[in-house]
Amino acid sequence: MNLLTLILITFLINLPFGAYRTTTKKFSLAWFLSIHLPIPLIYWLRISSGYTIKIIPIMVLIAIGSQLSGGKIKEHMNQ
């Protein structure tokens, strides 16, 4: 898997979790899980694709951006 595909998959995995996160109380268990549940899958994708820890900063930024985007999409849909 090339890096662009991995980034896109990471973004798409985190979108629904970000949308769900906006419906939870901040710092609750559900909020915590909505942020952290995608991490093992993304870790597995990174390792199975042969990438080292050097791309973790990129993946973290993509995951954060995707979480925020998912939240914004959810808020926009509720208007």
PDB file of N, CA and C in Angstrom:
ATOM      1  N   MET A   1       0.865  -1.168   0.000  1.00  0.00           N
ATOM      2  CA  MET A   1       0.000   0.000   0.000  1.00  0.00           C
ATOM      3  C   MET A   1       0.913   1.233   0.000  1.00  0.00           C
ATOM      4  N   ASN A   2       0.620   2.184  -0.888  1.00  0.00           N
ATOM      5  CA  ASN A   2       1.442   3.392  -0.887  1.00  0.00           C
ATOM      6  C   ASN A   2       0.973   4.356   0.201  1.00  0.00           C
ATOM      7  N   LEU A   3       1.785   5.368   0.468  1.00  0.00           N
ATOM      8  CA  LEU A   3       1.523   6.285   1.575  1.00  0.00           C
ATOM      9  C   LEU A   3       0.230   7.062   1.373  1.00  0.00           C
ATOM     10  N   LEU A   4      -0.046   7.486   0.158  1.00  0.00           N
ATOM     11  CA  LEU A   4      -1.273   8.244  -0.097  1.00  0.00           C
ATOM     12  C   LEU A   4      -2.516   7.410   0.208  1.00  0.00           C
ATOM     13  N   THR A   5      -2.493   6.146  -0.154  1.00  0.00           N
ATOM     14  CA  THR A   5      -3.614   5.253   0.146  1.00  0.00           C
ATOM     15  C   THR A   5      -3.778   5.080   1.652  1.00  0.00           C
ATOM     16  N   LEU A   6      -2.679   4.909   2.351  1.00  0.00           N
ATOM     17  CA  LEU A   6      -2.723   4.767   3.810  1.00  0.00           C
ATOM     18  C   LEU A   6      -3.294   6.026   4.461  1.00  0.00           C
ATOM     19  N   ILE A   7      -2.894   7.187   3.973  1.00  0.00           N
ATOM     20  CA  ILE A   7      -3.409   8.453   4.501  1.00  0.00           C
ATOM     21  C   ILE A   7      -4.909   8.563   4.247  1.00  0.00           C
ATOM     22  N   LEU A   8      -5.341   8.216   3.043  1.00  0.00           N
ATOM     23  CA  LEU A   8      -6.767   8.284   2.707  1.00  0.00           C
ATOM     24  C   LEU A   8      -7.586   7.326   3.571  1.00  0.00           C
ATOM     25  N   ILE A   9      -7.110   6.117   3.753  1.00  0.00           N
ATOM     26  CA  ILE A   9      -7.821   5.142   4.586  1.00  0.00           C
ATOM     27  C   ILE A   9      -7.888   5.631   6.031  1.00  0.00           C
ATOM     28  N   THR A  10      -6.791   6.183   6.529  1.00  0.00           N
ATOM     29  CA  THR A  10      -6.774   6.735   7.888  1.00  0.00           C
ATOM     30  C   THR A  10      -7.813   7.835   8.030  1.00  0.00           C
ATOM     31  N   PHE A  11      -7.883   8.705   7.042  1.00  0.00           N
ATOM     32  CA  PHE A  11      -8.859   9.795   7.066  1.00  0.00           C
ATOM     33  C   PHE A  11     -10.282   9.239   7.083  1.00  0.00           C
ATOM     34  N   LEU A  12     -10.558   8.278   6.213  1.00  0.00           N
ATOM     35  CA  LEU A  12     -11.914   7.724   6.112  1.00  0.00           C
ATOM     36  C   LEU A  12     -12.311   6.924   7.353  1.00  0.00           C
ATOM     37  N   ILE A  13     -11.370   6.238   7.964  1.00  0.00           N
ATOM     38  CA  ILE A  13     -11.664   5.487   9.190  1.00  0.00           C
ATOM     39  C   ILE A  13     -12.075   6.432  10.308  1.00  0.00           C
ATOM     40  N   ASN A  14     -11.395   7.557  10.428  1.00  0.00           N
ATOM     41  CA  ASN A  14     -11.625   8.476  11.542  1.00  0.00           C
ATOM     42  C   ASN A  14     -12.851   9.368  11.370  1.00  0.00           C
ATOM     43  N   LEU A  15     -13.334   9.572  10.153  1.00  0.00           N
ATOM     44  CA  LEU A  15     -14.488  10.457   9.940  1.00  0.00           C
ATOM     45  C   LEU A  15     -15.701  10.088  10.790  1.00  0.00           C
ATOM     46  N   PRO A  16     -16.185   8.847  10.739  1.00  0.00           N
ATOM     47  CA  PRO A  16     -17.372   8.533  11.548  1.00  0.00           C
ATOM     48  C   PRO A  16     -17.112   8.612  13.053  1.00  0.00           C
ATOM     49  N   PHE A  17     -15.893   8.315  13.462  1.00  0.00           N
ATOM     50  CA  PHE A  17     -15.566   8.430  14.886  1.00  0.00           C
ATOM     51  C   PHE A  17     -15.586   9.886  15.326  1.00  0.00           C
ATOM     52  N   GLY A  18     -15.139  10.776  14.453  1.00  0.00           N
ATOM     53  CA  GLY A  18     -15.198  12.202  14.758  1.00  0.00           C
ATOM     54  C   GLY A  18     -16.623  12.707  14.816  1.00  0.00           C
ATOM     55  N   ALA A  19     -17.464  12.190  13.918  1.00  0.00           N
ATOM     56  CA  ALA A  19     -18.878  12.578  13.933  1.00  0.00           C
ATOM     57  C   ALA A  19     -19.540  12.104  15.227  1.00  0.00           C
ATOM     58  N   TYR A  20     -19.250  10.876  15.610  1.00  0.00           N
ATOM     59  CA  TYR A  20     -19.830  10.349  16.847  1.00  0.00           C
ATOM     60  C   TYR A  20     -19.319  11.110  18.068  1.00  0.00           C
ATOM     61  N   ARG A  21     -18.045  11.472  18.049  1.00  0.00           N
ATOM     62  CA  ARG A  21     -17.427  12.171  19.185  1.00  0.00           C
ATOM     63  C   ARG A  21     -18.178  13.450  19.533  1.00  0.00           C
ATOM     64  N   THR A  22     -18.718  14.132  18.531  1.00  0.00           N
ATOM     65  CA  THR A  22     -19.428  15.391  18.799  1.00  0.00           C
ATOM     66  C   THR A  22     -20.743  15.172  19.535  1.00  0.00           C
ATOM     67  N   THR A  23     -21.229  13.942  19.557  1.00  0.00           N
ATOM     68  CA  THR A  23     -22.496  13.660  20.242  1.00  0.00           C
ATOM     69  C   THR A  23     -22.280  13.210  21.684  1.00  0.00           C
ATOM     70  N   THR A  24     -21.022  13.096  22.090  1.00  0.00           N
ATOM     71  CA  THR A  24     -20.716  12.606  23.434  1.00  0.00           C
ATOM     72  C   THR A  24     -20.286  13.743  24.344  1.00  0.00           C
ATOM     73  N   LYS A  25     -20.376  13.495  25.638  1.00  0.00           N
ATOM     74  CA  LYS A  25     -19.913  14.468  26.622  1.00  0.00           C
ATOM     75  C   LYS A  25     -18.383  14.457  26.633  1.00  0.00           C
ATOM     76  N   LYS A  26     -17.791  15.640  26.609  1.00  0.00           N
ATOM     77  CA  LYS A  26     -16.339  15.749  26.574  1.00  0.00           C
ATOM     78  C   LYS A  26     -15.717  15.050  27.788  1.00  0.00           C
ATOM     79  N   PHE A  27     -14.678  14.279  27.524  1.00  0.00           N
ATOM     80  CA  PHE A  27     -13.910  13.512  28.509  1.00  0.00           C
ATOM     81  C   PHE A  27     -14.676  12.326  29.098  1.00  0.00           C
ATOM     82  N   SER A  28     -15.819  11.968  28.524  1.00  0.00           N
ATOM     83  CA  SER A  28     -16.533  10.768  28.963  1.00  0.00           C
ATOM     84  C   SER A  28     -15.862   9.539  28.345  1.00  0.00           C
ATOM     85  N   LEU A  29     -16.287   8.363  28.770  1.00  0.00           N
ATOM     86  CA  LEU A  29     -15.735   7.129  28.210  1.00  0.00           C
ATOM     87  C   LEU A  29     -16.017   7.041  26.712  1.00  0.00           C
ATOM     88  N   ALA A  30     -17.236   7.380  26.303  1.00  0.00           N
ATOM     89  CA  ALA A  30     -17.586   7.325  24.882  1.00  0.00           C
ATOM     90  C   ALA A  30     -16.724   8.291  24.067  1.00  0.00           C
ATOM     91  N   TRP A  31     -16.489   9.460  24.597  1.00  0.00           N
ATOM     92  CA  TRP A  31     -15.640  10.456  23.931  1.00  0.00           C
ATOM     93  C   TRP A  31     -14.223   9.902  23.777  1.00  0.00           C
ATOM     94  N   PHE A  32     -13.690   9.339  24.858  1.00  0.00           N
ATOM     95  CA  PHE A  32     -12.348   8.758  24.855  1.00  0.00           C
ATOM     96  C   PHE A  32     -12.247   7.622  23.835  1.00  0.00           C
ATOM     97  N   LEU A  33     -13.245   6.744  23.827  1.00  0.00           N
ATOM     98  CA  LEU A  33     -13.225   5.614  22.899  1.00  0.00           C
ATOM     99  C   LEU A  33     -13.362   6.060  21.451  1.00  0.00           C
ATOM    100  N   SER A  34     -14.160   7.092  21.202  1.00  0.00           N
ATOM    101  CA  SER A  34     -14.317   7.561  19.821  1.00  0.00           C
ATOM    102  C   SER A  34     -13.002   8.106  19.270  1.00  0.00           C
ATOM    103  N   ILE A  35     -12.150   8.574  20.135  1.00  0.00           N
ATOM    104  CA  ILE A  35     -10.842   9.059  19.700  1.00  0.00           C
ATOM    105  C   ILE A  35      -9.847   7.901  19.557  1.00  0.00           C
ATOM    106  N   HIS A  36      -9.887   6.943  20.467  1.00  0.00           N
ATOM    107  CA  HIS A  36      -8.833   5.931  20.540  1.00  0.00           C
ATOM    108  C   HIS A  36      -9.146   4.592  19.864  1.00  0.00           C
ATOM    109  N   LEU A  37     -10.401   4.274  19.602  1.00  0.00           N
ATOM    110  CA  LEU A  37     -10.714   2.980  18.979  1.00  0.00           C
ATOM    111  C   LEU A  37     -10.104   2.788  17.584  1.00  0.00           C
ATOM    112  N   PRO A  38     -10.005   3.814  16.753  1.00  0.00           N
ATOM    113  CA  PRO A  38      -9.411   3.591  15.426  1.00  0.00           C
ATOM    114  C   PRO A  38      -7.902   3.327  15.452  1.00  0.00           C
ATOM    115  N   ILE A  39      -7.239   3.641  16.544  1.00  0.00           N
ATOM    116  CA  ILE A  39      -5.774   3.566  16.577  1.00  0.00           C
ATOM    117  C   ILE A  39      -5.230   2.161  16.298  1.00  0.00           C
ATOM    118  N   PRO A  40      -5.756   1.087  16.898  1.00  0.00           N
ATOM    119  CA  PRO A  40      -5.195  -0.241  16.590  1.00  0.00           C
ATOM    120  C   PRO A  40      -5.317  -0.621  15.110  1.00  0.00           C
ATOM    121  N   LEU A  41      -6.422  -0.269  14.481  1.00  0.00           N
ATOM    122  CA  LEU A  41      -6.584  -0.580  13.057  1.00  0.00           C
ATOM    123  C   LEU A  41      -5.578   0.200  12.214  1.00  0.00           C
ATOM    124  N   ILE A  42      -5.414   1.468  12.515  1.00  0.00           N
ATOM    125  CA  ILE A  42      -4.459   2.289  11.769  1.00  0.00           C
ATOM    126  C   ILE A  42      -3.034   1.800  12.017  1.00  0.00           C
ATOM    127  N   TYR A  43      -2.750   1.411  13.240  1.00  0.00           N
ATOM    128  CA  TYR A  43      -1.437   0.836  13.568  1.00  0.00           C
ATOM    129  C   TYR A  43      -1.196  -0.420  12.738  1.00  0.00           C
ATOM    130  N   TRP A  44      -2.182  -1.309  12.694  1.00  0.00           N
ATOM    131  CA  TRP A  44      -2.047  -2.546  11.928  1.00  0.00           C
ATOM    132  C   TRP A  44      -1.836  -2.244  10.445  1.00  0.00           C
ATOM    133  N   LEU A  45      -2.593  -1.287   9.905  1.00  0.00           N
ATOM    134  CA  LEU A  45      -2.423  -0.923   8.498  1.00  0.00           C
ATOM    135  C   LEU A  45      -1.015  -0.397   8.231  1.00  0.00           C
ATOM    136  N   ARG A  46      -0.511   0.433   9.127  1.00  0.00           N
ATOM    137  CA  ARG A  46       0.835   0.996   8.963  1.00  0.00           C
ATOM    138  C   ARG A  46       1.894  -0.101   9.012  1.00  0.00           C
ATOM    139  N   ILE A  47       1.801  -0.975   9.996  1.00  0.00           N
ATOM    140  CA  ILE A  47       2.787  -2.050  10.147  1.00  0.00           C
ATOM    141  C   ILE A  47       2.710  -3.030   8.979  1.00  0.00           C
ATOM    142  N   SER A  48       1.500  -3.435   8.602  1.00  0.00           N
ATOM    143  CA  SER A  48       1.361  -4.412   7.519  1.00  0.00           C
ATOM    144  C   SER A  48       1.762  -3.833   6.167  1.00  0.00           C
ATOM    145  N   SER A  49       1.777  -2.516   6.059  1.00  0.00           N
ATOM    146  CA  SER A  49       2.212  -1.869   4.822  1.00  0.00           C
ATOM    147  C   SER A  49       3.718  -1.643   4.799  1.00  0.00           C
ATOM    148  N   GLY A  50       4.383  -1.920   5.913  1.00  0.00           N
ATOM    149  CA  GLY A  50       5.830  -1.823   5.955  1.00  0.00           C
ATOM    150  C   GLY A  50       6.382  -0.455   6.318  1.00  0.00           C
ATOM    151  N   TYR A  51       5.543   0.434   6.815  1.00  0.00           N
ATOM    152  CA  TYR A  51       6.014   1.768   7.188  1.00  0.00           C
ATOM    153  C   TYR A  51       6.540   1.769   8.620  1.00  0.00           C
ATOM    154  N   THR A  52       7.549   2.581   8.841  1.00  0.00           N
ATOM    155  CA  THR A  52       8.175   2.672  10.165  1.00  0.00           C
ATOM    156  C   THR A  52       7.505   3.769  10.987  1.00  0.00           C
ATOM    157  N   ILE A  53       8.042   3.983  12.166  1.00  0.00           N
ATOM    158  CA  ILE A  53       7.488   5.011  13.055  1.00  0.00           C
ATOM    159  C   ILE A  53       7.709   6.420  12.520  1.00  0.00           C
ATOM    160  N   LYS A  54       8.504   6.571  11.491  1.00  0.00           N
ATOM    161  CA  LYS A  54       8.785   7.897  10.935  1.00  0.00           C
ATOM    162  C   LYS A  54       7.540   8.586  10.389  1.00  0.00           C
ATOM    163  N   ILE A  55       6.514   7.819  10.001  1.00  0.00           N
ATOM    164  CA  ILE A  55       5.306   8.452   9.452  1.00  0.00           C
ATOM    165  C   ILE A  55       4.227   8.687  10.509  1.00  0.00           C
ATOM    166  N   ILE A  56       4.501   8.329  11.753  1.00  0.00           N
ATOM    167  CA  ILE A  56       3.501   8.521  12.809  1.00  0.00           C
ATOM    168  C   ILE A  56       3.058   9.977  12.934  1.00  0.00           C
ATOM    169  N   PRO A  57       3.958  10.963  12.888  1.00  0.00           N
ATOM    170  CA  PRO A  57       3.468  12.352  12.972  1.00  0.00           C
ATOM    171  C   PRO A  57       2.472  12.712  11.868  1.00  0.00           C
ATOM    172  N   ILE A  58       2.714  12.225  10.669  1.00  0.00           N
ATOM    173  CA  ILE A  58       1.780  12.469   9.566  1.00  0.00           C
ATOM    174  C   ILE A  58       0.441  11.812   9.866  1.00  0.00           C
ATOM    175  N   MET A  59       0.487  10.571  10.334  1.00  0.00           N
ATOM    176  CA  MET A  59      -0.739   9.833  10.608  1.00  0.00           C
ATOM    177  C   MET A  59      -1.541  10.483  11.733  1.00  0.00           C
ATOM    178  N   VAL A  60      -0.852  10.996  12.746  1.00  0.00           N
ATOM    179  CA  VAL A  60      -1.537  11.670  13.855  1.00  0.00           C
ATOM    180  C   VAL A  60      -2.229  12.929  13.350  1.00  0.00           C
ATOM    181  N   LEU A  61      -1.538  13.708  12.525  1.00  0.00           N
ATOM    182  CA  LEU A  61      -2.150  14.922  11.972  1.00  0.00           C
ATOM    183  C   LEU A  61      -3.364  14.599  11.107  1.00  0.00           C
ATOM    184  N   ILE A  62      -3.263  13.551  10.308  1.00  0.00           N
ATOM    185  CA  ILE A  62      -4.396  13.136   9.474  1.00  0.00           C
ATOM    186  C   ILE A  62      -5.556  12.678  10.353  1.00  0.00           C
ATOM    187  N   ALA A  63      -5.274  11.908  11.386  1.00  0.00           N
ATOM    188  CA  ALA A  63      -6.329  11.419  12.282  1.00  0.00           C
ATOM    189  C   ALA A  63      -7.024  12.578  12.992  1.00  0.00           C
ATOM    190  N   ILE A  64      -6.259  13.546  13.468  1.00  0.00           N
ATOM    191  CA  ILE A  64      -6.855  14.706  14.141  1.00  0.00           C
ATOM    192  C   ILE A  64      -7.705  15.505  13.162  1.00  0.00           C
ATOM    193  N   GLY A  65      -7.161  15.752  11.982  1.00  0.00           N
ATOM    194  CA  GLY A  65      -7.920  16.488  10.970  1.00  0.00           C
ATOM    195  C   GLY A  65      -9.197  15.777  10.574  1.00  0.00           C
ATOM    196  N   SER A  66      -9.130  14.466  10.479  1.00  0.00           N
ATOM    197  CA  SER A  66     -10.306  13.685  10.129  1.00  0.00           C
ATOM    198  C   SER A  66     -11.339  13.691  11.246  1.00  0.00           C
ATOM    199  N   GLN A  67     -10.887  13.592  12.479  1.00  0.00           N
ATOM    200  CA  GLN A  67     -11.812  13.667  13.619  1.00  0.00           C
ATOM    201  C   GLN A  67     -12.533  15.012  13.611  1.00  0.00           C
ATOM    202  N   LEU A  68     -11.782  16.084  13.410  1.00  0.00           N
ATOM    203  CA  LEU A  68     -12.389  17.416  13.385  1.00  0.00           C
ATOM    204  C   LEU A  68     -13.330  17.575  12.193  1.00  0.00           C
ATOM    205  N   SER A  69     -12.928  17.045  11.042  1.00  0.00           N
ATOM    206  CA  SER A  69     -13.785  17.113   9.854  1.00  0.00           C
ATOM    207  C   SER A  69     -15.080  16.337  10.057  1.00  0.00           C
ATOM    208  N   GLY A  70     -14.978  15.156  10.635  1.00  0.00           N
ATOM    209  CA  GLY A  70     -16.173  14.366  10.921  1.00  0.00           C
ATOM    210  C   GLY A  70     -17.116  15.096  11.846  1.00  0.00           C
ATOM    211  N   GLY A  71     -16.562  15.775  12.840  1.00  0.00           N
ATOM    212  CA  GLY A  71     -17.383  16.564  13.758  1.00  0.00           C
ATOM    213  C   GLY A  71     -18.070  17.718  13.056  1.00  0.00           C
ATOM    214  N   LYS A  72     -17.347  18.402  12.175  1.00  0.00           N
ATOM    215  CA  LYS A  72     -17.932  19.529  11.435  1.00  0.00           C
ATOM    216  C   LYS A  72     -19.029  19.051  10.487  1.00  0.00           C
ATOM    217  N   ILE A  73     -18.800  17.926   9.828  1.00  0.00           N
ATOM    218  CA  ILE A  73     -19.818  17.370   8.929  1.00  0.00           C
ATOM    219  C   ILE A  73     -21.078  17.033   9.718  1.00  0.00           C
ATOM    220  N   LYS A  74     -20.909  16.404  10.879  1.00  0.00           N
ATOM    221  CA  LYS A  74     -22.057  16.046  11.728  1.00  0.00           C
ATOM    222  C   LYS A  74     -22.810  17.291  12.166  1.00  0.00           C
ATOM    223  N   GLU A  75     -22.097  18.325  12.596  1.00  0.00           N
ATOM    224  CA  GLU A  75     -22.744  19.573  13.013  1.00  0.00           C
ATOM    225  C   GLU A  75     -23.482  20.221  11.845  1.00  0.00           C
ATOM    226  N   HIS A  76     -22.882  20.188  10.666  1.00  0.00           N
ATOM    227  CA  HIS A  76     -23.515  20.774   9.487  1.00  0.00           C
ATOM    228  C   HIS A  76     -24.786  20.010   9.102  1.00  0.00           C
ATOM    229  N   MET A  77     -24.753  18.689   9.239  1.00  0.00           N
ATOM    230  CA  MET A  77     -25.924  17.876   8.902  1.00  0.00           C
ATOM    231  C   MET A  77     -27.067  18.107   9.882  1.00  0.00           C
ATOM    232  N   ASN A  78     -26.760  18.484  11.114  1.00  0.00           N
ATOM    233  CA  ASN A  78     -27.791  18.696  12.131  1.00  0.00           C
ATOM    234  C   ASN A  78     -28.442  20.068  12.057  1.00  0.00           C
ATOM    235  N   GLN A  79     -27.935  20.941  11.220  1.00  0.00           N
ATOM    236  CA  GLN A  79     -28.517  22.289  11.123  1.00  0.00           C
ATOM    237  C   GLN A  79     -29.808  22.284  10.351  1.00  0.00           C
TER     238      GLN A  79
END
